[in-house]
Amino acid sequence: MAERGSHIARGRFGEERAAEHLRSLGYQIVEKNYRIRRGEIDIIARHRGDIVFVEVKTRKSDGFGAPAEAVGFRKQARLKILAAAWLSSKGLSNANCRFDVVSYTLDGDKMEVMENAF
């Protein structure tokens, strides 16, 4: 499969699959690939009354650990800054929100959604 070739293509493929999976779980996708100078949020959605900022991590296999393990403290801090910027730009600074992580492993086609990951 061509999508599995390069790192960037693999990431985009994983994000598309994650969006499909989230929709099947009742998430309403609001925006994908929100980008500002400081970085990018993969998926922004609404779910059970919350605005959800979703980080998607895709790996070929879990030989080096689960994909979600790559969302460390620095990445979490950056995502919080990006989320605050998005909320502010939409006039939603007081909205209920959370951060979910989708861990997708291509080998075995395994997807896990971690709600309130941090």
PDB file of N, CA and C in Angstrom:
ATOM      1  N   MET A   1       0.839  -1.179   0.000  1.00  0.00           N
ATOM      2  CA  MET A   1       0.000   0.000   0.000  1.00  0.00           C
ATOM      3  C   MET A   1       0.886   1.245   0.000  1.00  0.00           C
ATOM      4  N   ALA A   2       0.645   2.156  -0.907  1.00  0.00           N
ATOM      5  CA  ALA A   2       1.482   3.346  -1.064  1.00  0.00           C
ATOM      6  C   ALA A   2       1.469   4.228   0.175  1.00  0.00           C
ATOM      7  N   GLU A   3       0.324   4.290   0.869  1.00  0.00           N
ATOM      8  CA  GLU A   3       0.220   5.159   2.039  1.00  0.00           C
ATOM      9  C   GLU A   3       1.192   4.774   3.139  1.00  0.00           C
ATOM     10  N   ARG A   4       1.634   3.543   3.137  1.00  0.00           N
ATOM     11  CA  ARG A   4       2.497   3.063   4.207  1.00  0.00           C
ATOM     12  C   ARG A   4       3.974   3.314   3.928  1.00  0.00           C
ATOM     13  N   GLY A   5       4.304   3.948   2.819  1.00  0.00           N
ATOM     14  CA  GLY A   5       5.687   4.134   2.422  1.00  0.00           C
ATOM     15  C   GLY A   5       6.463   5.105   3.283  1.00  0.00           C
ATOM     16  N   SER A   6       6.189   6.367   3.163  1.00  0.00           N
ATOM     17  CA  SER A   6       6.973   7.374   3.871  1.00  0.00           C
ATOM     18  C   SER A   6       6.354   7.704   5.222  1.00  0.00           C
ATOM     19  N   HIS A   7       7.158   8.304   6.061  1.00  0.00           N
ATOM     20  CA  HIS A   7       6.728   8.705   7.402  1.00  0.00           C
ATOM     21  C   HIS A   7       5.527   9.650   7.346  1.00  0.00           C
ATOM     22  N   ILE A   8       5.590  10.652   6.489  1.00  0.00           N
ATOM     23  CA  ILE A   8       4.509  11.634   6.382  1.00  0.00           C
ATOM     24  C   ILE A   8       3.245  10.981   5.828  1.00  0.00           C
ATOM     25  N   ALA A   9       3.393  10.193   4.783  1.00  0.00           N
ATOM     26  CA  ALA A   9       2.236   9.515   4.192  1.00  0.00           C
ATOM     27  C   ALA A   9       1.613   8.553   5.195  1.00  0.00           C
ATOM     28  N   ARG A  10       2.437   7.866   5.972  1.00  0.00           N
ATOM     29  CA  ARG A  10       1.928   6.940   6.992  1.00  0.00           C
ATOM     30  C   ARG A  10       1.125   7.709   8.040  1.00  0.00           C
ATOM     31  N   GLY A  11       1.639   8.868   8.449  1.00  0.00           N
ATOM     32  CA  GLY A  11       0.937   9.697   9.427  1.00  0.00           C
ATOM     33  C   GLY A  11      -0.408  10.176   8.907  1.00  0.00           C
ATOM     34  N   ARG A  12      -0.456  10.647   7.676  1.00  0.00           N
ATOM     35  CA  ARG A  12      -1.711  11.125   7.085  1.00  0.00           C
ATOM     36  C   ARG A  12      -2.711   9.973   6.933  1.00  0.00           C
ATOM     37  N   PHE A  13      -2.211   8.811   6.528  1.00  0.00           N
ATOM     38  CA  PHE A  13      -3.065   7.638   6.407  1.00  0.00           C
ATOM     39  C   PHE A  13      -3.669   7.302   7.771  1.00  0.00           C
ATOM     40  N   GLY A  14      -2.841   7.313   8.806  1.00  0.00           N
ATOM     41  CA  GLY A  14      -3.306   7.036  10.161  1.00  0.00           C
ATOM     42  C   GLY A  14      -4.332   8.044  10.636  1.00  0.00           C
ATOM     43  N   GLU A  15      -4.130   9.317  10.299  1.00  0.00           N
ATOM     44  CA  GLU A  15      -5.082  10.361  10.692  1.00  0.00           C
ATOM     45  C   GLU A  15      -6.434  10.157  10.014  1.00  0.00           C
ATOM     46  N   GLU A  16      -6.426   9.768   8.746  1.00  0.00           N
ATOM     47  CA  GLU A  16      -7.683   9.509   8.041  1.00  0.00           C
ATOM     48  C   GLU A  16      -8.417   8.321   8.645  1.00  0.00           C
ATOM     49  N   ARG A  17      -7.682   7.258   8.920  1.00  0.00           N
ATOM     50  CA  ARG A  17      -8.287   6.077   9.557  1.00  0.00           C
ATOM     51  C   ARG A  17      -8.813   6.424  10.944  1.00  0.00           C
ATOM     52  N   ALA A  18      -8.070   7.220  11.692  1.00  0.00           N
ATOM     53  CA  ALA A  18      -8.501   7.618  13.037  1.00  0.00           C
ATOM     54  C   ALA A  18      -9.780   8.439  12.966  1.00  0.00           C
ATOM     55  N   ALA A  19      -9.869   9.363  12.010  1.00  0.00           N
ATOM     56  CA  ALA A  19     -11.076  10.181  11.861  1.00  0.00           C
ATOM     57  C   ALA A  19     -12.286   9.294  11.572  1.00  0.00           C
ATOM     58  N   GLU A  20     -12.120   8.303  10.703  1.00  0.00           N
ATOM     59  CA  GLU A  20     -13.208   7.368  10.405  1.00  0.00           C
ATOM     60  C   GLU A  20     -13.638   6.627  11.666  1.00  0.00           C
ATOM     61  N   HIS A  21     -12.655   6.158  12.414  1.00  0.00           N
ATOM     62  CA  HIS A  21     -12.943   5.400  13.639  1.00  0.00           C
ATOM     63  C   HIS A  21     -13.641   6.284  14.675  1.00  0.00           C
ATOM     64  N   LEU A  22     -13.145   7.508  14.844  1.00  0.00           N
ATOM     65  CA  LEU A  22     -13.764   8.424  15.800  1.00  0.00           C
ATOM     66  C   LEU A  22     -15.214   8.715  15.422  1.00  0.00           C
ATOM     67  N   ARG A  23     -15.474   8.927  14.132  1.00  0.00           N
ATOM     68  CA  ARG A  23     -16.855   9.137  13.679  1.00  0.00           C
ATOM     69  C   ARG A  23     -17.741   7.957  14.072  1.00  0.00           C
ATOM     70  N   SER A  24     -17.224   6.752  13.920  1.00  0.00           N
ATOM     71  CA  SER A  24     -18.004   5.558  14.263  1.00  0.00           C
ATOM     72  C   SER A  24     -18.295   5.485  15.757  1.00  0.00           C
ATOM     73  N   LEU A  25     -17.512   6.191  16.571  1.00  0.00           N
ATOM     74  CA  LEU A  25     -17.710   6.229  18.021  1.00  0.00           C
ATOM     75  C   LEU A  25     -18.557   7.420  18.465  1.00  0.00           C
ATOM     76  N   GLY A  26     -19.052   8.188  17.483  1.00  0.00           N
ATOM     77  CA  GLY A  26     -19.924   9.306  17.810  1.00  0.00           C
ATOM     78  C   GLY A  26     -19.247  10.661  17.884  1.00  0.00           C
ATOM     79  N   TYR A  27     -17.976  10.745  17.544  1.00  0.00           N
ATOM     80  CA  TYR A  27     -17.282  12.029  17.496  1.00  0.00           C
ATOM     81  C   TYR A  27     -17.742  12.776  16.245  1.00  0.00           C
ATOM     82  N   GLN A  28     -17.932  14.075  16.370  1.00  0.00           N
ATOM     83  CA  GLN A  28     -18.205  14.924  15.208  1.00  0.00           C
ATOM     84  C   GLN A  28     -16.910  15.668  14.899  1.00  0.00           C
ATOM     85  N   ILE A  29     -16.335  15.411  13.747  1.00  0.00           N
ATOM     86  CA  ILE A  29     -15.078  16.055  13.372  1.00  0.00           C
ATOM     87  C   ILE A  29     -15.367  17.507  13.016  1.00  0.00           C
ATOM     88  N   VAL A  30     -14.683  18.420  13.691  1.00  0.00           N
ATOM     89  CA  VAL A  30     -14.847  19.853  13.467  1.00  0.00           C
ATOM     90  C   VAL A  30     -13.773  20.366  12.504  1.00  0.00           C
ATOM     91  N   GLU A  31     -12.553  19.886  12.690  1.00  0.00           N
ATOM     92  CA  GLU A  31     -11.436  20.368  11.880  1.00  0.00           C
ATOM     93  C   GLU A  31     -10.321  19.337  11.920  1.00  0.00           C
ATOM     94  N   LYS A  32      -9.587  19.243  10.811  1.00  0.00           N
ATOM     95  CA  LYS A  32      -8.420  18.365  10.760  1.00  0.00           C
ATOM     96  C   LYS A  32      -7.205  19.206  10.391  1.00  0.00           C
ATOM     97  N   ASN A  33      -6.079  18.829  10.950  1.00  0.00           N
ATOM     98  CA  ASN A  33      -4.798  19.454  10.656  1.00  0.00           C
ATOM     99  C   ASN A  33      -4.813  20.969  10.883  1.00  0.00           C
ATOM    100  N   TYR A  34      -5.314  21.386  12.050  1.00  0.00           N
ATOM    101  CA  TYR A  34      -5.274  22.804  12.428  1.00  0.00           C
ATOM    102  C   TYR A  34      -3.818  23.158  12.657  1.00  0.00           C
ATOM    103  N   ARG A  35      -3.342  24.139  11.897  1.00  0.00           N
ATOM    104  CA  ARG A  35      -1.920  24.473  11.945  1.00  0.00           C
ATOM    105  C   ARG A  35      -1.733  25.972  12.163  1.00  0.00           C
ATOM    106  N   ILE A  36      -0.866  26.262  13.125  1.00  0.00           N
ATOM    107  CA  ILE A  36      -0.364  27.625  13.306  1.00  0.00           C
ATOM    108  C   ILE A  36       1.145  27.510  13.430  1.00  0.00           C
ATOM    109  N   ARG A  37       1.796  28.645  13.601  1.00  0.00           N
ATOM    110  CA  ARG A  37       3.257  28.646  13.623  1.00  0.00           C
ATOM    111  C   ARG A  37       3.856  27.687  14.655  1.00  0.00           C
ATOM    112  N   ARG A  38       3.193  27.516  15.773  1.00  0.00           N
ATOM    113  CA  ARG A  38       3.752  26.712  16.858  1.00  0.00           C
ATOM    114  C   ARG A  38       3.533  25.221  16.694  1.00  0.00           C
ATOM    115  N   GLY A  39       2.727  24.818  15.703  1.00  0.00           N
ATOM    116  CA  GLY A  39       2.522  23.390  15.497  1.00  0.00           C
ATOM    117  C   GLY A  39       1.173  23.069  14.900  1.00  0.00           C
ATOM    118  N   GLU A  40       0.762  21.811  15.088  1.00  0.00           N
ATOM    119  CA  GLU A  40      -0.460  21.318  14.461  1.00  0.00           C
ATOM    120  C   GLU A  40      -1.224  20.408  15.410  1.00  0.00           C
ATOM    121  N   ILE A  41      -2.547  20.517  15.355  1.00  0.00           N
ATOM    122  CA  ILE A  41      -3.427  19.565  16.037  1.00  0.00           C
ATOM    123  C   ILE A  41      -4.021  18.680  14.947  1.00  0.00           C
ATOM    124  N   ASP A  42      -3.904  17.375  15.111  1.00  0.00           N
ATOM    125  CA  ASP A  42      -4.338  16.447  14.073  1.00  0.00           C
ATOM    126  C   ASP A  42      -5.845  16.514  13.834  1.00  0.00           C
ATOM    127  N   ILE A  43      -6.631  16.390  14.902  1.00  0.00           N
ATOM    128  CA  ILE A  43      -8.088  16.374  14.765  1.00  0.00           C
ATOM    129  C   ILE A  43      -8.713  17.158  15.913  1.00  0.00           C
ATOM    130  N   ILE A  44      -9.693  17.972  15.582  1.00  0.00           N
ATOM    131  CA  ILE A  44     -10.498  18.654  16.596  1.00  0.00           C
ATOM    132  C   ILE A  44     -11.928  18.172  16.372  1.00  0.00           C
ATOM    133  N   ALA A  45     -12.562  17.728  17.461  1.00  0.00           N
ATOM    134  CA  ALA A  45     -13.893  17.131  17.348  1.00  0.00           C
ATOM    135  C   ALA A  45     -14.771  17.546  18.527  1.00  0.00           C
ATOM    136  N   ARG A  46     -16.042  17.208  18.409  1.00  0.00           N
ATOM    137  CA  ARG A  46     -16.985  17.333  19.527  1.00  0.00           C
ATOM    138  C   ARG A  46     -17.415  15.914  19.887  1.00  0.00           C
ATOM    139  N   HIS A  47     -17.467  15.675  21.204  1.00  0.00           N
ATOM    140  CA  HIS A  47     -17.882  14.350  21.678  1.00  0.00           C
ATOM    141  C   HIS A  47     -18.459  14.483  23.070  1.00  0.00           C
ATOM    142  N   ARG A  48     -19.697  14.040  23.234  1.00  0.00           N
ATOM    143  CA  ARG A  48     -20.388  14.081  24.532  1.00  0.00           C
ATOM    144  C   ARG A  48     -20.272  15.444  25.210  1.00  0.00           C
ATOM    145  N   GLY A  49     -20.478  16.506  24.440  1.00  0.00           N
ATOM    146  CA  GLY A  49     -20.493  17.854  24.986  1.00  0.00           C
ATOM    147  C   GLY A  49     -19.138  18.508  25.156  1.00  0.00           C
ATOM    148  N   ASP A  50     -18.065  17.789  24.888  1.00  0.00           N
ATOM    149  CA  ASP A  50     -16.713  18.344  25.007  1.00  0.00           C
ATOM    150  C   ASP A  50     -16.131  18.666  23.636  1.00  0.00           C
ATOM    151  N   ILE A  51     -15.240  19.629  23.611  1.00  0.00           N
ATOM    152  CA  ILE A  51     -14.381  19.826  22.450  1.00  0.00           C
ATOM    153  C   ILE A  51     -13.160  18.959  22.714  1.00  0.00           C
ATOM    154  N   VAL A  52     -12.817  18.135  21.740  1.00  0.00           N
ATOM    155  CA  VAL A  52     -11.750  17.160  21.925  1.00  0.00           C
ATOM    156  C   VAL A  52     -10.614  17.447  20.943  1.00  0.00           C
ATOM    157  N   PHE A  53      -9.431  17.583  21.496  1.00  0.00           N
ATOM    158  CA  PHE A  53      -8.226  17.762  20.696  1.00  0.00           C
ATOM    159  C   PHE A  53      -7.547  16.399  20.643  1.00  0.00           C
ATOM    160  N   VAL A  54      -7.397  15.891  19.423  1.00  0.00           N
ATOM    161  CA  VAL A  54      -6.930  14.511  19.247  1.00  0.00           C
ATOM    162  C   VAL A  54      -5.549  14.500  18.598  1.00  0.00           C
ATOM    163  N   GLU A  55      -4.629  13.822  19.245  1.00  0.00           N
ATOM    164  CA  GLU A  55      -3.309  13.561  18.681  1.00  0.00           C
ATOM    165  C   GLU A  55      -3.319  12.122  18.179  1.00  0.00           C
ATOM    166  N   VAL A  56      -2.936  11.937  16.926  1.00  0.00           N
ATOM    167  CA  VAL A  56      -2.903  10.606  16.321  1.00  0.00           C
ATOM    168  C   VAL A  56      -1.448  10.190  16.149  1.00  0.00           C
ATOM    169  N   LYS A  57      -1.120   9.010  16.658  1.00  0.00           N
ATOM    170  CA  LYS A  57       0.223   8.459  16.495  1.00  0.00           C
ATOM    171  C   LYS A  57       0.110   7.148  15.754  1.00  0.00           C
ATOM    172  N   THR A  58       0.809   7.058  14.624  1.00  0.00           N
ATOM    173  CA  THR A  58       0.766   5.875  13.772  1.00  0.00           C
ATOM    174  C   THR A  58       2.168   5.287  13.672  1.00  0.00           C
ATOM    175  N   ARG A  59       2.253   3.982  13.832  1.00  0.00           N
ATOM    176  CA  ARG A  59       3.523   3.273  13.650  1.00  0.00           C
ATOM    177  C   ARG A  59       3.279   2.010  12.842  1.00  0.00           C
ATOM    178  N   LYS A  60       4.343   1.527  12.215  1.00  0.00           N
ATOM    179  CA  LYS A  60       4.243   0.278  11.459  1.00  0.00           C
ATOM    180  C   LYS A  60       3.965  -0.891  12.395  1.00  0.00           C
ATOM    181  N   SER A  61       4.676  -0.915  13.518  1.00  0.00           N
ATOM    182  CA  SER A  61       4.513  -2.006  14.483  1.00  0.00           C
ATOM    183  C   SER A  61       4.712  -1.431  15.883  1.00  0.00           C
ATOM    184  N   ASP A  62       4.469  -2.261  16.874  1.00  0.00           N
ATOM    185  CA  ASP A  62       4.698  -1.789  18.239  1.00  0.00           C
ATOM    186  C   ASP A  62       6.025  -2.309  18.786  1.00  0.00           C
ATOM    187  N   GLY A  63       6.931  -2.624  17.890  1.00  0.00           N
ATOM    188  CA  GLY A  63       8.257  -3.117  18.275  1.00  0.00           C
ATOM    189  C   GLY A  63       9.043  -2.155  19.145  1.00  0.00           C
ATOM    190  N   PHE A  64       8.772  -0.876  19.024  1.00  0.00           N
ATOM    191  CA  PHE A  64       9.452   0.130  19.846  1.00  0.00           C
ATOM    192  C   PHE A  64       8.492   0.737  20.863  1.00  0.00           C
ATOM    193  N   GLY A  65       7.439   0.022  21.190  1.00  0.00           N
ATOM    194  CA  GLY A  65       6.450   0.512  22.141  1.00  0.00           C
ATOM    195  C   GLY A  65       5.194   0.975  21.431  1.00  0.00           C
ATOM    196  N   ALA A  66       4.167   1.216  22.225  1.00  0.00           N
ATOM    197  CA  ALA A  66       2.890   1.679  21.673  1.00  0.00           C
ATOM    198  C   ALA A  66       3.056   3.069  21.082  1.00  0.00           C
ATOM    199  N   PRO A  67       2.371   3.349  19.979  1.00  0.00           N
ATOM    200  CA  PRO A  67       2.485   4.678  19.367  1.00  0.00           C
ATOM    201  C   PRO A  67       2.197   5.816  20.339  1.00  0.00           C
ATOM    202  N   ALA A  68       1.241   5.636  21.239  1.00  0.00           N
ATOM    203  CA  ALA A  68       0.866   6.708  22.167  1.00  0.00           C
ATOM    204  C   ALA A  68       2.001   7.101  23.105  1.00  0.00           C
ATOM    205  N   GLU A  69       2.967   6.222  23.300  1.00  0.00           N
ATOM    206  CA  GLU A  69       4.098   6.533  24.174  1.00  0.00           C
ATOM    207  C   GLU A  69       4.930   7.694  23.627  1.00  0.00           C
ATOM    208  N   ALA A  70       4.743   8.018  22.354  1.00  0.00           N
ATOM    209  CA  ALA A  70       5.477   9.118  21.734  1.00  0.00           C
ATOM    210  C   ALA A  70       4.887  10.484  22.084  1.00  0.00           C
ATOM    211  N   VAL A  71       3.778  10.504  22.817  1.00  0.00           N
ATOM    212  CA  VAL A  71       3.159  11.767  23.221  1.00  0.00           C
ATOM    213  C   VAL A  71       3.653  12.085  24.631  1.00  0.00           C
ATOM    214  N   GLY A  72       4.850  12.637  24.682  1.00  0.00           N
ATOM    215  CA  GLY A  72       5.477  12.947  25.961  1.00  0.00           C
ATOM    216  C   GLY A  72       5.074  14.317  26.500  1.00  0.00           C
ATOM    217  N   PHE A  73       5.718  14.702  27.586  1.00  0.00           N
ATOM    218  CA  PHE A  73       5.405  15.953  28.271  1.00  0.00           C
ATOM    219  C   PHE A  73       5.521  17.165  27.353  1.00  0.00           C
ATOM    220  N   ARG A  74       6.589  17.242  26.563  1.00  0.00           N
ATOM    221  CA  ARG A  74       6.783  18.401  25.678  1.00  0.00           C
ATOM    222  C   ARG A  74       5.683  18.491  24.626  1.00  0.00           C
ATOM    223  N   LYS A  75       5.310  17.358  24.045  1.00  0.00           N
ATOM    224  CA  LYS A  75       4.243  17.330  23.044  1.00  0.00           C
ATOM    225  C   LYS A  75       2.915  17.720  23.692  1.00  0.00           C
ATOM    226  N   GLN A  76       2.663  17.231  24.889  1.00  0.00           N
ATOM    227  CA  GLN A  76       1.442  17.580  25.604  1.00  0.00           C
ATOM    228  C   GLN A  76       1.374  19.087  25.864  1.00  0.00           C
ATOM    229  N   ALA A  77       2.483  19.661  26.304  1.00  0.00           N
ATOM    230  CA  ALA A  77       2.516  21.107  26.578  1.00  0.00           C
ATOM    231  C   ALA A  77       2.242  21.900  25.300  1.00  0.00           C
ATOM    232  N   ARG A  78       2.823  21.483  24.188  1.00  0.00           N
ATOM    233  CA  ARG A  78       2.603  22.166  22.914  1.00  0.00           C
ATOM    234  C   ARG A  78       1.142  22.056  22.484  1.00  0.00           C
ATOM    235  N   LEU A  79       0.554  20.876  22.637  1.00  0.00           N
ATOM    236  CA  LEU A  79      -0.845  20.686  22.266  1.00  0.00           C
ATOM    237  C   LEU A  79      -1.770  21.568  23.107  1.00  0.00           C
ATOM    238  N   LYS A  80      -1.441  21.745  24.366  1.00  0.00           N
ATOM    239  CA  LYS A  80      -2.257  22.611  25.231  1.00  0.00           C
ATOM    240  C   LYS A  80      -2.208  24.062  24.751  1.00  0.00           C
ATOM    241  N   ILE A  81      -1.045  24.510  24.329  1.00  0.00           N
ATOM    242  CA  ILE A  81      -0.902  25.874  23.794  1.00  0.00           C
ATOM    243  C   ILE A  81      -1.694  26.023  22.502  1.00  0.00           C
ATOM    244  N   LEU A  82      -1.582  25.036  21.624  1.00  0.00           N
ATOM    245  CA  LEU A  82      -2.316  25.073  20.355  1.00  0.00           C
ATOM    246  C   LEU A  82      -3.818  25.044  20.592  1.00  0.00           C
ATOM    247  N   ALA A  83      -4.261  24.226  21.531  1.00  0.00           N
ATOM    248  CA  ALA A  83      -5.689  24.138  21.845  1.00  0.00           C
ATOM    249  C   ALA A  83      -6.206  25.470  22.376  1.00  0.00           C
ATOM    250  N   ALA A  84      -5.443  26.105  23.242  1.00  0.00           N
ATOM    251  CA  ALA A  84      -5.851  27.406  23.783  1.00  0.00           C
ATOM    252  C   ALA A  84      -5.972  28.431  22.660  1.00  0.00           C
ATOM    253  N   ALA A  85      -5.060  28.380  21.703  1.00  0.00           N
ATOM    254  CA  ALA A  85      -5.115  29.303  20.564  1.00  0.00           C
ATOM    255  C   ALA A  85      -6.363  29.043  19.730  1.00  0.00           C
ATOM    256  N   TRP A  86      -6.672  27.767  19.475  1.00  0.00           N
ATOM    257  CA  TRP A  86      -7.862  27.437  18.689  1.00  0.00           C
ATOM    258  C   TRP A  86      -9.127  27.880  19.424  1.00  0.00           C
ATOM    259  N   LEU A  87      -9.219  27.568  20.698  1.00  0.00           N
ATOM    260  CA  LEU A  87     -10.394  27.953  21.487  1.00  0.00           C
ATOM    261  C   LEU A  87     -10.580  29.467  21.479  1.00  0.00           C
ATOM    262  N   SER A  88      -9.490  30.187  21.659  1.00  0.00           N
ATOM    263  CA  SER A  88      -9.545  31.654  21.661  1.00  0.00           C
ATOM    264  C   SER A  88     -10.012  32.185  20.308  1.00  0.00           C
ATOM    265  N   SER A  89      -9.499  31.601  19.221  1.00  0.00           N
ATOM    266  CA  SER A  89      -9.862  32.066  17.874  1.00  0.00           C
ATOM    267  C   SER A  89     -11.341  31.834  17.567  1.00  0.00           C
ATOM    268  N   LYS A  90     -11.955  30.887  18.258  1.00  0.00           N
ATOM    269  CA  LYS A  90     -13.369  30.572  18.039  1.00  0.00           C
ATOM    270  C   LYS A  90     -14.278  31.186  19.097  1.00  0.00           C
ATOM    271  N   GLY A  91     -13.689  31.938  20.035  1.00  0.00           N
ATOM    272  CA  GLY A  91     -14.478  32.532  21.113  1.00  0.00           C
ATOM    273  C   GLY A  91     -15.019  31.495  22.082  1.00  0.00           C
ATOM    274  N   LEU A  92     -14.282  30.413  22.255  1.00  0.00           N
ATOM    275  CA  LEU A  92     -14.726  29.302  23.094  1.00  0.00           C
ATOM    276  C   LEU A  92     -13.803  29.054  24.287  1.00  0.00           C
ATOM    277  N   SER A  93     -13.164  30.085  24.768  1.00  0.00           N
ATOM    278  CA  SER A  93     -12.156  29.914  25.823  1.00  0.00           C
ATOM    279  C   SER A  93     -12.677  29.232  27.080  1.00  0.00           C
ATOM    280  N   ASN A  94     -13.984  29.299  27.338  1.00  0.00           N
ATOM    281  CA  ASN A  94     -14.542  28.678  28.542  1.00  0.00           C
ATOM    282  C   ASN A  94     -15.198  27.325  28.278  1.00  0.00           C
ATOM    283  N   ALA A  95     -15.012  26.779  27.088  1.00  0.00           N
ATOM    284  CA  ALA A  95     -15.648  25.503  26.725  1.00  0.00           C
ATOM    285  C   ALA A  95     -14.996  24.335  27.461  1.00  0.00           C
ATOM    286  N   ASN A  96     -15.786  23.292  27.717  1.00  0.00           N
ATOM    287  CA  ASN A  96     -15.238  22.054  28.263  1.00  0.00           C
ATOM    288  C   ASN A  96     -14.441  21.374  27.162  1.00  0.00           C
ATOM    289  N   CYS A  97     -13.223  20.970  27.489  1.00  0.00           N
ATOM    290  CA  CYS A  97     -12.419  20.295  26.476  1.00  0.00           C
ATOM    291  C   CYS A  97     -11.577  19.213  27.126  1.00  0.00           C
ATOM    292  N   ARG A  98     -11.053  18.344  26.274  1.00  0.00           N
ATOM    293  CA  ARG A  98     -10.162  17.286  26.740  1.00  0.00           C
ATOM    294  C   ARG A  98      -9.194  16.934  25.609  1.00  0.00           C
ATOM    295  N   PHE A  99      -8.200  16.141  25.963  1.00  0.00           N
ATOM    296  CA  PHE A  99      -7.187  15.697  25.009  1.00  0.00           C
ATOM    297  C   PHE A  99      -7.221  14.175  24.923  1.00  0.00           C
ATOM    298  N   ASP A 100      -7.495  13.676  23.731  1.00  0.00           N
ATOM    299  CA  ASP A 100      -7.494  12.239  23.476  1.00  0.00           C
ATOM    300  C   ASP A 100      -6.294  11.902  22.604  1.00  0.00           C
ATOM    301  N   VAL A 101      -5.833  10.676  22.715  1.00  0.00           N
ATOM    302  CA  VAL A 101      -4.761  10.185  21.856  1.00  0.00           C
ATOM    303  C   VAL A 101      -5.263   8.924  21.171  1.00  0.00           C
ATOM    304  N   VAL A 102      -5.066   8.882  19.854  1.00  0.00           N
ATOM    305  CA  VAL A 102      -5.376   7.676  19.088  1.00  0.00           C
ATOM    306  C   VAL A 102      -4.049   7.022  18.730  1.00  0.00           C
ATOM    307  N   SER A 103      -3.921   5.777  19.130  1.00  0.00           N
ATOM    308  CA  SER A 103      -2.733   4.981  18.868  1.00  0.00           C
ATOM    309  C   SER A 103      -3.092   3.969  17.776  1.00  0.00           C
ATOM    310  N   TYR A 104      -2.408   4.076  16.631  1.00  0.00           N
ATOM    311  CA  TYR A 104      -2.726   3.207  15.493  1.00  0.00           C
ATOM    312  C   TYR A 104      -1.475   2.470  15.044  1.00  0.00           C
ATOM    313  N   THR A 105      -1.563   1.134  15.055  1.00  0.00           N
ATOM    314  CA  THR A 105      -0.466   0.291  14.613  1.00  0.00           C
ATOM    315  C   THR A 105      -0.887  -0.396  13.325  1.00  0.00           C
ATOM    316  N   LEU A 106      -0.132  -0.157  12.253  1.00  0.00           N
ATOM    317  CA  LEU A 106      -0.487  -0.695  10.943  1.00  0.00           C
ATOM    318  C   LEU A 106      -0.452  -2.220  10.934  1.00  0.00           C
ATOM    319  N   ASP A 107       0.614  -2.816  11.505  1.00  0.00           N
ATOM    320  CA  ASP A 107       0.676  -4.271  11.580  1.00  0.00           C
ATOM    321  C   ASP A 107      -0.433  -4.738  12.508  1.00  0.00           C
ATOM    322  N   GLY A 108      -1.355  -5.472  11.976  1.00  0.00           N
ATOM    323  CA  GLY A 108      -2.485  -5.943  12.753  1.00  0.00           C
ATOM    324  C   GLY A 108      -3.656  -4.983  12.758  1.00  0.00           C
ATOM    325  N   ASP A 109      -3.478  -3.805  12.154  1.00  0.00           N
ATOM    326  CA  ASP A 109      -4.548  -2.814  12.041  1.00  0.00           C
ATOM    327  C   ASP A 109      -5.198  -2.552  13.405  1.00  0.00           C
ATOM    328  N   LYS A 110      -4.360  -2.244  14.413  1.00  0.00           N
ATOM    329  CA  LYS A 110      -4.837  -2.025  15.779  1.00  0.00           C
ATOM    330  C   LYS A 110      -4.993  -0.536  16.055  1.00  0.00           C
ATOM    331  N   MET A 111      -6.177  -0.155  16.544  1.00  0.00           N
ATOM    332  CA  MET A 111      -6.437   1.245  16.882  1.00  0.00           C
ATOM    333  C   MET A 111      -7.003   1.309  18.287  1.00  0.00           C
ATOM    334  N   GLU A 112      -6.446   2.220  19.083  1.00  0.00           N
ATOM    335  CA  GLU A 112      -6.911   2.417  20.451  1.00  0.00           C
ATOM    336  C   GLU A 112      -7.126   3.908  20.669  1.00  0.00           C
ATOM    337  N   VAL A 113      -8.270   4.256  21.250  1.00  0.00           N
ATOM    338  CA  VAL A 113      -8.573   5.646  21.587  1.00  0.00           C
ATOM    339  C   VAL A 113      -8.458   5.792  23.096  1.00  0.00           C
ATOM    340  N   MET A 114      -7.600   6.704  23.522  1.00  0.00           N
ATOM    341  CA  MET A 114      -7.441   6.976  24.942  1.00  0.00           C
ATOM    342  C   MET A 114      -8.076   8.324  25.239  1.00  0.00           C
ATOM    343  N   GLU A 115      -9.253   8.298  25.862  1.00  0.00           N
ATOM    344  CA  GLU A 115      -9.921   9.537  26.237  1.00  0.00           C
ATOM    345  C   GLU A 115      -9.224  10.140  27.454  1.00  0.00           C
ATOM    346  N   ASN A 116      -9.234  11.477  27.513  1.00  0.00           N
ATOM    347  CA  ASN A 116      -8.589  12.183  28.624  1.00  0.00           C
ATOM    348  C   ASN A 116      -7.169  11.680  28.857  1.00  0.00           C
ATOM    349  N   ALA A 117      -6.413  11.570  27.783  1.00  0.00           N
ATOM    350  CA  ALA A 117      -5.069  10.990  27.864  1.00  0.00           C
ATOM    351  C   ALA A 117      -4.119  11.813  28.736  1.00  0.00           C
ATOM    352  N   PHE A 118      -4.351  13.123  28.772  1.00  0.00           N
ATOM    353  CA  PHE A 118      -3.535  13.990  29.636  1.00  0.00           C
ATOM    354  C   PHE A 118      -4.297  15.237  29.968  1.00  0.00           C
TER     355      PHE A 118
END
